[in-house]
Amino acid sequence: MNDFLYDCVNTCTEAMLPVRLGQLNLLLNLNLLRQLELEP
């Protein structure tokens, strides 16, 4: 049962990783855009 749970967690984590990275990338890009807009 532990192995099954572990596999499930690993699979879910791998599936969610690109989504998390995409969200992080979006946030970083938004921050960069804001900084550029603030510069005179």
C-alpha atoms as a PDB file:
ATOM      1  CA  MET A   1       0.000   0.000   0.000  1.00  0.00           C
ATOM      2  CA  ASN A   2       2.842   2.372   0.785  1.00  0.00           C
ATOM      3  CA  ASP A   3       4.435   1.758  -2.615  1.00  0.00           C
ATOM      4  CA  PHE A   4       1.153   2.484  -4.359  1.00  0.00           C
ATOM      5  CA  LEU A   5       0.710   5.720  -2.435  1.00  0.00           C
ATOM      6  CA  TYR A   6       4.293   6.722  -3.174  1.00  0.00           C
ATOM      7  CA  ASP A   7       3.837   6.089  -6.896  1.00  0.00           C
ATOM      8  CA  CYS A   8       0.616   8.087  -6.886  1.00  0.00           C
ATOM      9  CA  VAL A   9       2.283  11.045  -5.174  1.00  0.00           C
ATOM     10  CA  ASN A  10       5.212  10.915  -7.593  1.00  0.00           C
ATOM     11  CA  THR A  11       2.893  10.809 -10.602  1.00  0.00           C
ATOM     12  CA  CYS A  12       0.767  13.673  -9.306  1.00  0.00           C
ATOM     13  CA  THR A  13       3.868  15.738  -8.546  1.00  0.00           C
ATOM     14  CA  GLU A  14       5.322  15.137 -12.009  1.00  0.00           C
ATOM     15  CA  ALA A  15       2.007  16.049 -13.600  1.00  0.00           C
ATOM     16  CA  MET A  16       1.714  19.255 -11.607  1.00  0.00           C
ATOM     17  CA  LEU A  17       5.325  20.366 -11.996  1.00  0.00           C
ATOM     18  CA  PRO A  18       4.959  21.937 -15.472  1.00  0.00           C
ATOM     19  CA  VAL A  19       1.855  23.778 -14.258  1.00  0.00           C
ATOM     20  CA  ARG A  20       3.695  25.126 -11.223  1.00  0.00           C
ATOM     21  CA  LEU A  21       6.663  26.150 -13.352  1.00  0.00           C
ATOM     22  CA  GLY A  22       4.326  27.843 -15.804  1.00  0.00           C
ATOM     23  CA  GLN A  23       2.669  29.827 -13.014  1.00  0.00           C
ATOM     24  CA  LEU A  24       6.065  30.798 -11.609  1.00  0.00           C
ATOM     25  CA  ASN A  25       7.273  31.837 -15.068  1.00  0.00           C
ATOM     26  CA  LEU A  26       4.175  33.963 -15.534  1.00  0.00           C
ATOM     27  CA  LEU A  27       4.706  35.682 -12.188  1.00  0.00           C
ATOM     28  CA  LEU A  28       8.339  36.378 -12.981  1.00  0.00           C
ATOM     29  CA  ASN A  29       7.420  37.813 -16.376  1.00  0.00           C
ATOM     30  CA  LEU A  30       4.756  40.038 -14.826  1.00  0.00           C
ATOM     31  CA  ASN A  31       7.262  41.314 -12.276  1.00  0.00           C
ATOM     32  CA  LEU A  32       9.766  42.066 -15.025  1.00  0.00           C
ATOM     33  CA  LEU A  33       7.138  43.944 -17.029  1.00  0.00           C
ATOM     34  CA  ARG A  34       6.171  45.995 -13.986  1.00  0.00           C
ATOM     35  CA  GLN A  35       9.790  46.894 -13.318  1.00  0.00           C
ATOM     36  CA  LEU A  36      10.265  47.964 -16.930  1.00  0.00           C
ATOM     37  CA  GLU A  37       7.126  50.108 -16.784  1.00  0.00           C
ATOM     38  CA  LEU A  38       8.315  51.777 -13.572  1.00  0.00           C
ATOM     39  CA  GLU A  39      11.633  52.766 -15.089  1.00  0.00           C
ATOM     40  CA  PRO A  40      11.616  56.308 -16.510  1.00  0.00           C
END
